[in-house]
PDB file of N, CA and C in Angstrom:
ATOM      1  N   UNK A   1     106.957 101.402  87.311  1.00  0.00           N
ATOM      2  CA  UNK A   1     108.024 102.351  87.412  1.00  0.00           C
ATOM      3  C   UNK A   1     108.455 102.355  88.885  1.00  0.00           C
ATOM      4  N   UNK A   2     109.787 102.288  89.094  1.00  0.00           N
ATOM      5  CA  UNK A   2     110.327 102.227  90.457  1.00  0.00           C
ATOM      6  C   UNK A   2     111.402 103.248  90.686  1.00  0.00           C
ATOM      7  N   UNK A   3     111.394 103.855  91.841  1.00  0.00           N
ATOM      8  CA  UNK A   3     112.400 104.823  92.247  1.00  0.00           C
ATOM      9  C   UNK A   3     113.738 104.104  92.420  1.00  0.00           C
ATOM     10  N   UNK A   4     114.819 104.744  91.925  1.00  0.00           N
ATOM     11  CA  UNK A   4     116.146 104.134  92.142  1.00  0.00           C
ATOM     12  C   UNK A   4     117.149 105.101  92.787  1.00  0.00           C
ATOM     13  N   UNK A   5     116.973 106.414  92.599  1.00  0.00           N
ATOM     14  CA  UNK A   5     118.001 107.307  93.188  1.00  0.00           C
ATOM     15  C   UNK A   5     117.451 108.747  93.268  1.00  0.00           C
ATOM     16  N   UNK A   6     118.144 109.527  94.110  1.00  0.00           N
ATOM     17  CA  UNK A   6     117.906 110.982  94.260  1.00  0.00           C
ATOM     18  C   UNK A   6     119.235 111.676  93.982  1.00  0.00           C
ATOM     19  N   UNK A   7     119.134 112.797  93.271  1.00  0.00           N
ATOM     20  CA  UNK A   7     120.349 113.511  92.889  1.00  0.00           C
ATOM     21  C   UNK A   7     120.212 115.004  93.305  1.00  0.00           C
ATOM     22  N   UNK A   8     121.342 115.594  93.711  1.00  0.00           N
ATOM     23  CA  UNK A   8     121.354 117.015  94.061  1.00  0.00           C
ATOM     24  C   UNK A   8     122.038 117.870  93.009  1.00  0.00           C
ATOM     25  N   UNK A   9     122.565 117.214  91.971  1.00  0.00           N
ATOM     26  CA  UNK A   9     123.255 117.962  90.927  1.00  0.00           C
ATOM     27  C   UNK A   9     122.724 117.469  89.588  1.00  0.00           C
ATOM     28  N   UNK A  10     122.307 118.423  88.729  1.00  0.00           N
ATOM     29  CA  UNK A  10     121.735 118.079  87.420  1.00  0.00           C
ATOM     30  C   UNK A  10     122.745 117.364  86.545  1.00  0.00           C
ATOM     31  N   UNK A  11     124.023 117.727  86.670  1.00  0.00           N
ATOM     32  CA  UNK A  11     125.063 117.075  85.851  1.00  0.00           C
ATOM     33  C   UNK A  11     125.204 115.590  86.187  1.00  0.00           C
ATOM     34  N   UNK A  12     125.168 115.288  87.475  1.00  0.00           N
ATOM     35  CA  UNK A  12     125.252 113.878  87.899  1.00  0.00           C
ATOM     36  C   UNK A  12     124.035 113.093  87.408  1.00  0.00           C
ATOM     37  N   UNK A  13     122.863 113.711  87.527  1.00  0.00           N
ATOM     38  CA  UNK A  13     121.646 113.059  87.020  1.00  0.00           C
ATOM     39  C   UNK A  13     121.789 112.768  85.526  1.00  0.00           C
ATOM     40  N   UNK A  14     122.234 113.740  84.767  1.00  0.00           N
ATOM     41  CA  UNK A  14     122.338 113.583  83.301  1.00  0.00           C
ATOM     42  C   UNK A  14     123.357 112.480  82.973  1.00  0.00           C
ATOM     43  N   UNK A  15     124.461 112.396  83.706  1.00  0.00           N
ATOM     44  CA  UNK A  15     125.455 111.358  83.478  1.00  0.00           C
ATOM     45  C   UNK A  15     124.874 109.981  83.744  1.00  0.00           C
ATOM     46  N   UNK A  16     124.142 109.839  84.862  1.00  0.00           N
ATOM     47  CA  UNK A  16     123.573 108.543  85.188  1.00  0.00           C
ATOM     48  C   UNK A  16     122.465 108.124  84.221  1.00  0.00           C
ATOM     49  N   UNK A  17     121.648 109.081  83.808  1.00  0.00           N
ATOM     50  CA  UNK A  17     120.611 108.777  82.801  1.00  0.00           C
ATOM     51  C   UNK A  17     121.268 108.335  81.491  1.00  0.00           C
ATOM     52  N   UNK A  18     122.304 108.999  81.104  1.00  0.00           N
ATOM     53  CA  UNK A  18     123.025 108.611  79.877  1.00  0.00           C
ATOM     54  C   UNK A  18     123.623 107.227  79.966  1.00  0.00           C
ATOM     55  N   UNK A  19     124.222 106.930  81.125  1.00  0.00           N
ATOM     56  CA  UNK A  19     124.800 105.590  81.316  1.00  0.00           C
ATOM     57  C   UNK A  19     123.760 104.524  81.233  1.00  0.00           C
ATOM     58  N   UNK A  20     122.630 104.731  81.908  1.00  0.00           N
ATOM     59  CA  UNK A  20     121.551 103.759  81.921  1.00  0.00           C
ATOM     60  C   UNK A  20     120.974 103.625  80.492  1.00  0.00           C
ATOM     61  N   UNK A  21     120.794 104.692  79.815  1.00  0.00           N
ATOM     62  CA  UNK A  21     120.278 104.676  78.447  1.00  0.00           C
ATOM     63  C   UNK A  21     121.171 103.866  77.504  1.00  0.00           C
ATOM     64  N   UNK A  22     122.486 104.082  77.609  1.00  0.00           N
ATOM     65  CA  UNK A  22     123.417 103.362  76.753  1.00  0.00           C
ATOM     66  C   UNK A  22     123.389 101.859  77.021  1.00  0.00           C
ATOM     67  N   UNK A  23     123.030 101.491  78.252  1.00  0.00           N
ATOM     68  CA  UNK A  23     122.974 100.076  78.626  1.00  0.00           C
ATOM     69  C   UNK A  23     121.603  99.462  78.424  1.00  0.00           C
ATOM     70  N   UNK A  24     120.668 100.223  77.863  1.00  0.00           N
ATOM     71  CA  UNK A  24     119.335  99.720  77.537  1.00  0.00           C
ATOM     72  C   UNK A  24     118.337  99.765  78.659  1.00  0.00           C
ATOM     73  N   UNK A  25     118.519 100.747  79.555  1.00  0.00           N
ATOM     74  CA  UNK A  25     117.583 100.885  80.706  1.00  0.00           C
ATOM     75  C   UNK A  25     116.871 102.247  80.582  1.00  0.00           C
ATOM     76  N   UNK A  26     115.607 102.251  80.162  1.00  0.00           N
ATOM     77  CA  UNK A  26     114.869 103.517  80.068  1.00  0.00           C
ATOM     78  C   UNK A  26     114.506 104.068  81.435  1.00  0.00           C
ATOM     79  N   UNK A  27     114.670 105.396  81.583  1.00  0.00           N
ATOM     80  CA  UNK A  27     114.449 106.013  82.884  1.00  0.00           C
ATOM     81  C   UNK A  27     113.526 107.243  82.748  1.00  0.00           C
ATOM     82  N   UNK A  28     113.064 107.703  83.866  1.00  0.00           N
ATOM     83  CA  UNK A  28     112.288 108.920  83.944  1.00  0.00           C
ATOM     84  C   UNK A  28     112.817 109.740  85.124  1.00  0.00           C
ATOM     85  N   UNK A  29     113.148 110.994  84.893  1.00  0.00           N
ATOM     86  CA  UNK A  29     113.627 111.875  85.971  1.00  0.00           C
ATOM     87  C   UNK A  29     112.656 112.997  86.167  1.00  0.00           C
ATOM     88  N   UNK A  30     112.574 113.480  87.395  1.00  0.00           N
ATOM     89  CA  UNK A  30     111.735 114.650  87.651  1.00  0.00           C
ATOM     90  C   UNK A  30     112.314 115.410  88.820  1.00  0.00           C
ATOM     91  N   UNK A  31     112.193 116.746  88.694  1.00  0.00           N
ATOM     92  CA  UNK A  31     112.705 117.613  89.744  1.00  0.00           C
ATOM     93  C   UNK A  31     111.666 117.689  90.867  1.00  0.00           C
ATOM     94  N   UNK A  32     112.143 117.521  92.097  1.00  0.00           N
ATOM     95  CA  UNK A  32     111.207 117.522  93.239  1.00  0.00           C
ATOM     96  C   UNK A  32     111.391 118.722  94.137  1.00  0.00           C
ATOM     97  N   UNK A  33     112.517 119.419  94.023  1.00  0.00           N
ATOM     98  CA  UNK A  33     112.775 120.597  94.844  1.00  0.00           C
ATOM     99  C   UNK A  33     113.322 121.675  93.960  1.00  0.00           C
ATOM    100  N   UNK A  34     112.918 122.907  94.240  1.00  0.00           N
ATOM    101  CA  UNK A  34     113.389 124.058  93.469  1.00  0.00           C
ATOM    102  C   UNK A  34     114.649 124.628  94.076  1.00  0.00           C
ATOM    103  N   UNK A  35     115.057 125.767  93.576  1.00  0.00           N
ATOM    104  CA  UNK A  35     116.317 126.392  94.040  1.00  0.00           C
ATOM    105  C   UNK A  35     116.263 126.866  95.483  1.00  0.00           C
ATOM    106  N   UNK A  36     115.098 127.258  95.929  1.00  0.00           N
ATOM    107  CA  UNK A  36     114.995 127.801  97.315  1.00  0.00           C
ATOM    108  C   UNK A  36     115.398 126.753  98.356  1.00  0.00           C
ATOM    109  N   UNK A  37     115.016 125.516  98.145  1.00  0.00           N
ATOM    110  CA  UNK A  37     115.342 124.469  99.091  1.00  0.00           C
ATOM    111  C   UNK A  37     116.542 123.598  98.649  1.00  0.00           C
ATOM    112  N   UNK A  38     117.174 123.986  97.586  1.00  0.00           N
ATOM    113  CA  UNK A  38     118.283 123.177  97.037  1.00  0.00           C
ATOM    114  C   UNK A  38     117.703 122.199  96.017  1.00  0.00           C
ATOM    115  N   UNK A  39     118.125 122.342  94.786  1.00  0.00           N
ATOM    116  CA  UNK A  39     117.551 121.511  93.725  1.00  0.00           C
ATOM    117  C   UNK A  39     117.794 120.036  93.972  1.00  0.00           C
ATOM    118  N   UNK A  40     116.740 119.242  93.705  1.00  0.00           N
ATOM    119  CA  UNK A  40     116.841 117.778  93.828  1.00  0.00           C
ATOM    120  C   UNK A  40     116.028 117.142  92.744  1.00  0.00           C
ATOM    121  N   UNK A  41     116.538 116.030  92.246  1.00  0.00           N
ATOM    122  CA  UNK A  41     115.834 115.261  91.230  1.00  0.00           C
ATOM    123  C   UNK A  41     115.737 113.832  91.714  1.00  0.00           C
ATOM    124  N   UNK A  42     114.686 113.140  91.239  1.00  0.00           N
ATOM    125  CA  UNK A  42     114.556 111.709  91.507  1.00  0.00           C
ATOM    126  C   UNK A  42     114.581 110.977  90.165  1.00  0.00           C
ATOM    127  N   UNK A  43     115.107 109.786  90.209  1.00  0.00           N
ATOM    128  CA  UNK A  43     115.255 108.977  88.976  1.00  0.00           C
ATOM    129  C   UNK A  43     114.494 107.673  89.154  1.00  0.00           C
ATOM    130  N   UNK A  44     113.685 107.341  88.158  1.00  0.00           N
ATOM    131  CA  UNK A  44     112.906 106.125  88.172  1.00  0.00           C
ATOM    132  C   UNK A  44     113.307 105.254  86.987  1.00  0.00           C
ATOM    133  N   UNK A  45     113.115 103.921  87.159  1.00  0.00           N
ATOM    134  CA  UNK A  45     113.298 102.967  86.094  1.00  0.00           C
ATOM    135  C   UNK A  45     111.891 102.544  85.676  1.00  0.00           C
ATOM    136  N   UNK A  46     111.614 102.524  84.374  1.00  0.00           N
ATOM    137  CA  UNK A  46     110.303 102.193  83.905  1.00  0.00           C
ATOM    138  C   UNK A  46     109.954 100.698  84.127  1.00  0.00           C
ATOM    139  N   UNK A  47     110.917  99.815  83.881  1.00  0.00           N
ATOM    140  CA  UNK A  47     110.663  98.379  83.946  1.00  0.00           C
ATOM    141  C   UNK A  47     111.130  97.833  85.290  1.00  0.00           C
ATOM    142  N   UNK A  48     110.190  97.243  86.051  1.00  0.00           N
ATOM    143  CA  UNK A  48     110.556  96.688  87.335  1.00  0.00           C
ATOM    144  C   UNK A  48     111.645  95.625  87.241  1.00  0.00           C
ATOM    145  N   UNK A  49     111.683  94.906  86.119  1.00  0.00           N
ATOM    146  CA  UNK A  49     112.663  93.852  85.925  1.00  0.00           C
ATOM    147  C   UNK A  49     114.099  94.396  85.828  1.00  0.00           C
ATOM    148  N   UNK A  50     114.240  95.688  85.664  1.00  0.00           N
ATOM    149  CA  UNK A  50     115.567  96.284  85.478  1.00  0.00           C
ATOM    150  C   UNK A  50     116.069  97.039  86.701  1.00  0.00           C
ATOM    151  N   UNK A  51     115.298  96.998  87.779  1.00  0.00           N
ATOM    152  CA  UNK A  51     115.676  97.775  88.951  1.00  0.00           C
ATOM    153  C   UNK A  51     117.042  97.387  89.505  1.00  0.00           C
ATOM    154  N   UNK A  52     117.242  96.097  89.741  1.00  0.00           N
ATOM    155  CA  UNK A  52     118.518  95.638  90.315  1.00  0.00           C
ATOM    156  C   UNK A  52     119.701  95.998  89.398  1.00  0.00           C
ATOM    157  N   UNK A  53     119.515  95.768  88.102  1.00  0.00           N
ATOM    158  CA  UNK A  53     120.562  96.115  87.158  1.00  0.00           C
ATOM    159  C   UNK A  53     120.827  97.626  87.162  1.00  0.00           C
ATOM    160  N   UNK A  54     119.788  98.413  87.222  1.00  0.00           N
ATOM    161  CA  UNK A  54     119.984  99.863  87.226  1.00  0.00           C
ATOM    162  C   UNK A  54     120.740 100.316  88.457  1.00  0.00           C
ATOM    163  N   UNK A  55     120.400  99.737  89.609  1.00  0.00           N
ATOM    164  CA  UNK A  55     121.144 100.086  90.850  1.00  0.00           C
ATOM    165  C   UNK A  55     122.615  99.712  90.729  1.00  0.00           C
ATOM    166  N   UNK A  56     122.887  98.538  90.134  1.00  0.00           N
ATOM    167  CA  UNK A  56     124.305  98.141  89.953  1.00  0.00           C
ATOM    168  C   UNK A  56     124.984  99.060  88.959  1.00  0.00           C
ATOM    169  N   UNK A  57     124.271  99.471  87.911  1.00  0.00           N
ATOM    170  CA  UNK A  57     124.884 100.333  86.906  1.00  0.00           C
ATOM    171  C   UNK A  57     125.221 101.751  87.481  1.00  0.00           C
ATOM    172  N   UNK A  58     124.476 102.179  88.456  1.00  0.00           N
ATOM    173  CA  UNK A  58     124.775 103.457  89.089  1.00  0.00           C
ATOM    174  C   UNK A  58     126.154 103.400  89.799  1.00  0.00           C
ATOM    175  N   UNK A  59     126.474 102.213  90.362  1.00  0.00           N
ATOM    176  CA  UNK A  59     127.736 102.008  91.049  1.00  0.00           C
ATOM    177  C   UNK A  59     128.856 101.538  90.123  1.00  0.00           C
ATOM    178  N   UNK A  60     128.480 100.708  89.143  1.00  0.00           N
ATOM    179  CA  UNK A  60     129.505 100.056  88.301  1.00  0.00           C
ATOM    180  C   UNK A  60     129.128 100.233  86.816  1.00  0.00           C
ATOM    181  N   UNK A  61     129.797 101.184  86.130  1.00  0.00           N
ATOM    182  CA  UNK A  61     129.474 101.458  84.717  1.00  0.00           C
ATOM    183  C   UNK A  61     129.785 100.284  83.795  1.00  0.00           C
ATOM    184  N   UNK A  62     130.530  99.272  84.270  1.00  0.00           N
ATOM    185  CA  UNK A  62     130.876  98.128  83.423  1.00  0.00           C
ATOM    186  C   UNK A  62     129.858  97.025  83.533  1.00  0.00           C
ATOM    187  N   UNK A  63     128.898  97.116  84.445  1.00  0.00           N
ATOM    188  CA  UNK A  63     127.917  96.040  84.619  1.00  0.00           C
ATOM    189  C   UNK A  63     127.114  95.880  83.333  1.00  0.00           C
ATOM    190  N   UNK A  64     126.792  94.636  83.001  1.00  0.00           N
ATOM    191  CA  UNK A  64     125.966  94.341  81.862  1.00  0.00           C
ATOM    192  C   UNK A  64     124.578  93.853  82.365  1.00  0.00           C
ATOM    193  N   UNK A  65     123.518  94.590  82.054  1.00  0.00           N
ATOM    194  CA  UNK A  65     122.216  94.226  82.545  1.00  0.00           C
ATOM    195  C   UNK A  65     121.715  92.929  81.899  1.00  0.00           C
ATOM    196  N   UNK A  66     120.936  92.192  82.721  1.00  0.00           N
ATOM    197  CA  UNK A  66     120.348  90.937  82.209  1.00  0.00           C
ATOM    198  C   UNK A  66     119.311  91.203  81.148  1.00  0.00           C
ATOM    199  N   UNK A  67     118.594  92.303  81.297  1.00  0.00           N
ATOM    200  CA  UNK A  67     117.538  92.707  80.333  1.00  0.00           C
ATOM    201  C   UNK A  67     117.884  94.059  79.791  1.00  0.00           C
ATOM    202  N   UNK A  68     118.112  94.127  78.503  1.00  0.00           N
ATOM    203  CA  UNK A  68     118.404  95.405  77.875  1.00  0.00           C
ATOM    204  C   UNK A  68     117.383  95.623  76.761  1.00  0.00           C
ATOM    205  N   UNK A  69     116.853  96.838  76.678  1.00  0.00           N
ATOM    206  CA  UNK A  69     115.872  97.170  75.654  1.00  0.00           C
ATOM    207  C   UNK A  69     116.340  98.297  74.774  1.00  0.00           C
ATOM    208  N   UNK A  70     115.701  98.450  73.613  1.00  0.00           N
ATOM    209  CA  UNK A  70     116.005  99.575  72.739  1.00  0.00           C
ATOM    210  C   UNK A  70     115.278 100.770  73.324  1.00  0.00           C
ATOM    211  N   UNK A  71     116.029 101.649  73.963  1.00  0.00           N
ATOM    212  CA  UNK A  71     115.423 102.773  74.687  1.00  0.00           C
ATOM    213  C   UNK A  71     114.657 103.713  73.773  1.00  0.00           C
ATOM    214  N   UNK A  72     115.208 103.960  72.567  1.00  0.00           N
ATOM    215  CA  UNK A  72     114.506 104.842  71.628  1.00  0.00           C
ATOM    216  C   UNK A  72     113.161 104.275  71.211  1.00  0.00           C
ATOM    217  N   UNK A  73     113.122 102.957  70.936  1.00  0.00           N
ATOM    218  CA  UNK A  73     111.851 102.330  70.578  1.00  0.00           C
ATOM    219  C   UNK A  73     110.898 102.324  71.773  1.00  0.00           C
ATOM    220  N   UNK A  74     111.395 102.093  72.972  1.00  0.00           N
ATOM    221  CA  UNK A  74     110.582 102.113  74.154  1.00  0.00           C
ATOM    222  C   UNK A  74     109.943 103.503  74.374  1.00  0.00           C
ATOM    223  N   UNK A  75     110.779 104.537  74.219  1.00  0.00           N
ATOM    224  CA  UNK A  75     110.280 105.873  74.432  1.00  0.00           C
ATOM    225  C   UNK A  75     109.274 106.289  73.361  1.00  0.00           C
ATOM    226  N   UNK A  76     109.461 105.818  72.137  1.00  0.00           N
ATOM    227  CA  UNK A  76     108.530 106.165  71.069  1.00  0.00           C
ATOM    228  C   UNK A  76     107.159 105.504  71.262  1.00  0.00           C
ATOM    229  N   UNK A  77     107.120 104.403  71.966  1.00  0.00           N
ATOM    230  CA  UNK A  77     105.863 103.700  72.256  1.00  0.00           C
ATOM    231  C   UNK A  77     105.087 104.290  73.426  1.00  0.00           C
ATOM    232  N   UNK A  78     105.778 105.022  74.284  1.00  0.00           N
ATOM    233  CA  UNK A  78     105.129 105.621  75.470  1.00  0.00           C
ATOM    234  C   UNK A  78     104.254 106.776  75.023  1.00  0.00           C
ATOM    235  N   UNK A  79     103.053 106.895  75.582  1.00  0.00           N
ATOM    236  CA  UNK A  79     102.194 108.015  75.241  1.00  0.00           C
ATOM    237  C   UNK A  79     102.814 109.327  75.732  1.00  0.00           C
ATOM    238  N   UNK A  80     102.676 110.374  74.968  1.00  0.00           N
ATOM    239  CA  UNK A  80     103.204 111.682  75.354  1.00  0.00           C
ATOM    240  C   UNK A  80     102.094 112.468  76.040  1.00  0.00           C
ATOM    241  N   UNK A  81     102.389 112.963  77.203  1.00  0.00           N
ATOM    242  CA  UNK A  81     101.414 113.798  77.923  1.00  0.00           C
ATOM    243  C   UNK A  81     101.596 115.233  77.460  1.00  0.00           C
ATOM    244  N   UNK A  82     100.712 115.637  76.564  1.00  0.00           N
ATOM    245  CA  UNK A  82     100.848 116.971  76.027  1.00  0.00           C
ATOM    246  C   UNK A  82      99.874 117.960  76.670  1.00  0.00           C
ATOM    247  N   UNK A  83      99.190 117.522  77.684  1.00  0.00           N
ATOM    248  CA  UNK A  83      98.290 118.409  78.435  1.00  0.00           C
ATOM    249  C   UNK A  83      96.880 118.526  77.877  1.00  0.00           C
ATOM    250  N   UNK A  84      96.630 117.925  76.701  1.00  0.00           N
ATOM    251  CA  UNK A  84      95.299 118.055  76.106  1.00  0.00           C
ATOM    252  C   UNK A  84      94.220 117.388  76.965  1.00  0.00           C
ATOM    253  N   UNK A  85      94.507 116.244  77.549  1.00  0.00           N
ATOM    254  CA  UNK A  85      93.529 115.578  78.383  1.00  0.00           C
ATOM    255  C   UNK A  85      93.195 116.447  79.604  1.00  0.00           C
ATOM    256  N   UNK A  86      94.212 116.992  80.202  1.00  0.00           N
ATOM    257  CA  UNK A  86      94.004 117.853  81.384  1.00  0.00           C
ATOM    258  C   UNK A  86      93.190 119.080  80.981  1.00  0.00           C
ATOM    259  N   UNK A  87      93.505 119.694  79.862  1.00  0.00           N
ATOM    260  CA  UNK A  87      92.791 120.888  79.393  1.00  0.00           C
ATOM    261  C   UNK A  87      91.339 120.547  79.117  1.00  0.00           C
ATOM    262  N   UNK A  88      91.078 119.371  78.551  1.00  0.00           N
ATOM    263  CA  UNK A  88      89.725 118.946  78.269  1.00  0.00           C
ATOM    264  C   UNK A  88      88.953 118.756  79.585  1.00  0.00           C
ATOM    265  N   UNK A  89      89.605 118.152  80.556  1.00  0.00           N
ATOM    266  CA  UNK A  89      88.966 117.897  81.876  1.00  0.00           C
ATOM    267  C   UNK A  89      88.633 119.235  82.531  1.00  0.00           C
ATOM    268  N   UNK A  90      89.585 120.138  82.524  1.00  0.00           N
ATOM    269  CA  UNK A  90      89.371 121.469  83.154  1.00  0.00           C
ATOM    270  C   UNK A  90      88.201 122.184  82.446  1.00  0.00           C
ATOM    271  N   UNK A  91      88.131 122.109  81.146  1.00  0.00           N
ATOM    272  CA  UNK A  91      87.048 122.761  80.373  1.00  0.00           C
ATOM    273  C   UNK A  91      85.705 122.176  80.758  1.00  0.00           C
ATOM    274  N   UNK A  92      85.607 120.875  80.860  1.00  0.00           N
ATOM    275  CA  UNK A  92      84.359 120.226  81.171  1.00  0.00           C
ATOM    276  C   UNK A  92      83.939 120.591  82.587  1.00  0.00           C
ATOM    277  N   UNK A  93      84.849 120.517  83.534  1.00  0.00           N
ATOM    278  CA  UNK A  93      84.510 120.850  84.927  1.00  0.00           C
ATOM    279  C   UNK A  93      84.099 122.340  85.032  1.00  0.00           C
ATOM    280  N   UNK A  94      84.828 123.196  84.326  1.00  0.00           N
ATOM    281  CA  UNK A  94      84.503 124.628  84.341  1.00  0.00           C
ATOM    282  C   UNK A  94      83.112 124.856  83.790  1.00  0.00           C
ATOM    283  N   UNK A  95      82.763 124.186  82.696  1.00  0.00           N
ATOM    284  CA  UNK A  95      81.447 124.345  82.080  1.00  0.00           C
ATOM    285  C   UNK A  95      80.347 123.869  83.031  1.00  0.00           C
ATOM    286  N   UNK A  96      80.567 122.771  83.700  1.00  0.00           N
ATOM    287  CA  UNK A  96      79.591 122.240  84.638  1.00  0.00           C
ATOM    288  C   UNK A  96      79.389 123.219  85.807  1.00  0.00           C
ATOM    289  N   UNK A  97      80.464 123.776  86.310  1.00  0.00           N
ATOM    290  CA  UNK A  97      80.381 124.734  87.406  1.00  0.00           C
ATOM    291  C   UNK A  97      79.594 125.988  86.969  1.00  0.00           C
ATOM    292  N   UNK A  98      79.907 126.516  85.798  1.00  0.00           N
ATOM    293  CA  UNK A  98      79.218 127.702  85.274  1.00  0.00           C
ATOM    294  C   UNK A  98      77.723 127.389  85.101  1.00  0.00           C
ATOM    295  N   UNK A  99      77.384 126.277  84.471  1.00  0.00           N
ATOM    296  CA  UNK A  99      76.004 125.900  84.318  1.00  0.00           C
ATOM    297  C   UNK A  99      75.295 125.708  85.633  1.00  0.00           C
ATOM    298  N   UNK A 100      76.001 125.187  86.639  1.00  0.00           N
ATOM    299  CA  UNK A 100      75.412 125.041  87.957  1.00  0.00           C
ATOM    300  C   UNK A 100      75.078 126.408  88.577  1.00  0.00           C
ATOM    301  N   UNK A 101      76.004 127.374  88.426  1.00  0.00           N
ATOM    302  CA  UNK A 101      75.703 128.708  88.947  1.00  0.00           C
ATOM    303  C   UNK A 101      74.578 129.387  88.206  1.00  0.00           C
ATOM    304  N   UNK A 102      74.514 129.190  86.892  1.00  0.00           N
ATOM    305  CA  UNK A 102      73.427 129.783  86.109  1.00  0.00           C
ATOM    306  C   UNK A 102      72.108 129.164  86.517  1.00  0.00           C
ATOM    307  N   UNK A 103      72.058 127.841  86.692  1.00  0.00           N
ATOM    308  CA  UNK A 103      70.831 127.185  87.112  1.00  0.00           C
ATOM    309  C   UNK A 103      70.407 127.657  88.503  1.00  0.00           C
ATOM    310  N   UNK A 104      71.366 127.829  89.413  1.00  0.00           N
ATOM    311  CA  UNK A 104      71.107 128.298  90.745  1.00  0.00           C
ATOM    312  C   UNK A 104      70.550 129.716  90.728  1.00  0.00           C
ATOM    313  N   UNK A 105      71.128 130.584  89.911  1.00  0.00           N
ATOM    314  CA  UNK A 105      70.671 131.955  89.770  1.00  0.00           C
ATOM    315  C   UNK A 105      69.238 132.006  89.226  1.00  0.00           C
ATOM    316  N   UNK A 106      68.963 131.182  88.226  1.00  0.00           N
ATOM    317  CA  UNK A 106      67.583 131.147  87.673  1.00  0.00           C
ATOM    318  C   UNK A 106      66.617 130.623  88.688  1.00  0.00           C
ATOM    319  N   UNK A 107      66.993 129.630  89.440  1.00  0.00           N
ATOM    320  CA  UNK A 107      66.136 129.068  90.494  1.00  0.00           C
ATOM    321  C   UNK A 107      65.824 130.137  91.573  1.00  0.00           C
ATOM    322  N   UNK A 108      66.844 130.834  91.994  1.00  0.00           N
ATOM    323  CA  UNK A 108      66.647 131.894  93.003  1.00  0.00           C
ATOM    324  C   UNK A 108      65.760 133.006  92.459  1.00  0.00           C
ATOM    325  N   UNK A 109      65.903 133.314  91.179  1.00  0.00           N
ATOM    326  CA  UNK A 109      65.075 134.373  90.594  1.00  0.00           C
ATOM    327  C   UNK A 109      63.589 133.958  90.498  1.00  0.00           C
ATOM    328  N   UNK A 110      63.377 132.661  90.193  1.00  0.00           N
ATOM    329  CA  UNK A 110      61.995 132.172  90.125  1.00  0.00           C
ATOM    330  C   UNK A 110      61.323 132.136  91.517  1.00  0.00           C
ATOM    331  N   UNK A 111      62.134 131.890  92.521  1.00  0.00           N
ATOM    332  CA  UNK A 111      61.565 131.789  93.887  1.00  0.00           C
ATOM    333  C   UNK A 111      61.232 133.158  94.477  1.00  0.00           C
ATOM    334  N   UNK A 112      61.683 134.234  93.920  1.00  0.00           N
ATOM    335  CA  UNK A 112      61.369 135.595  94.448  1.00  0.00           C
ATOM    336  C   UNK A 112      59.996 136.001  94.099  1.00  0.00           C
TER     337      UNK A 112
END
């Protein structure tokens, strides 16, 4: 995944994502600044082979990319981060920390 642009307006970002999607270039956008500092988004292209075409498409909507993919199929194959892995990790770490404190408390009690 490679960075291709930064946007200060959500509408412009949506237009560019739509343009790239129609031309077969899957993208990922993410907000990097909130309203306090002025909203900003960054746009990435998933496939390194499409970076040059994506940059040209941002300037020229008529450009035809050398490599075009079925964006819907591409997106359906990508794993969805639904937070379960993170939740599982936090639960395990939390349990280990609690058990560590319990073991430490028992050890201190035995040493008295």
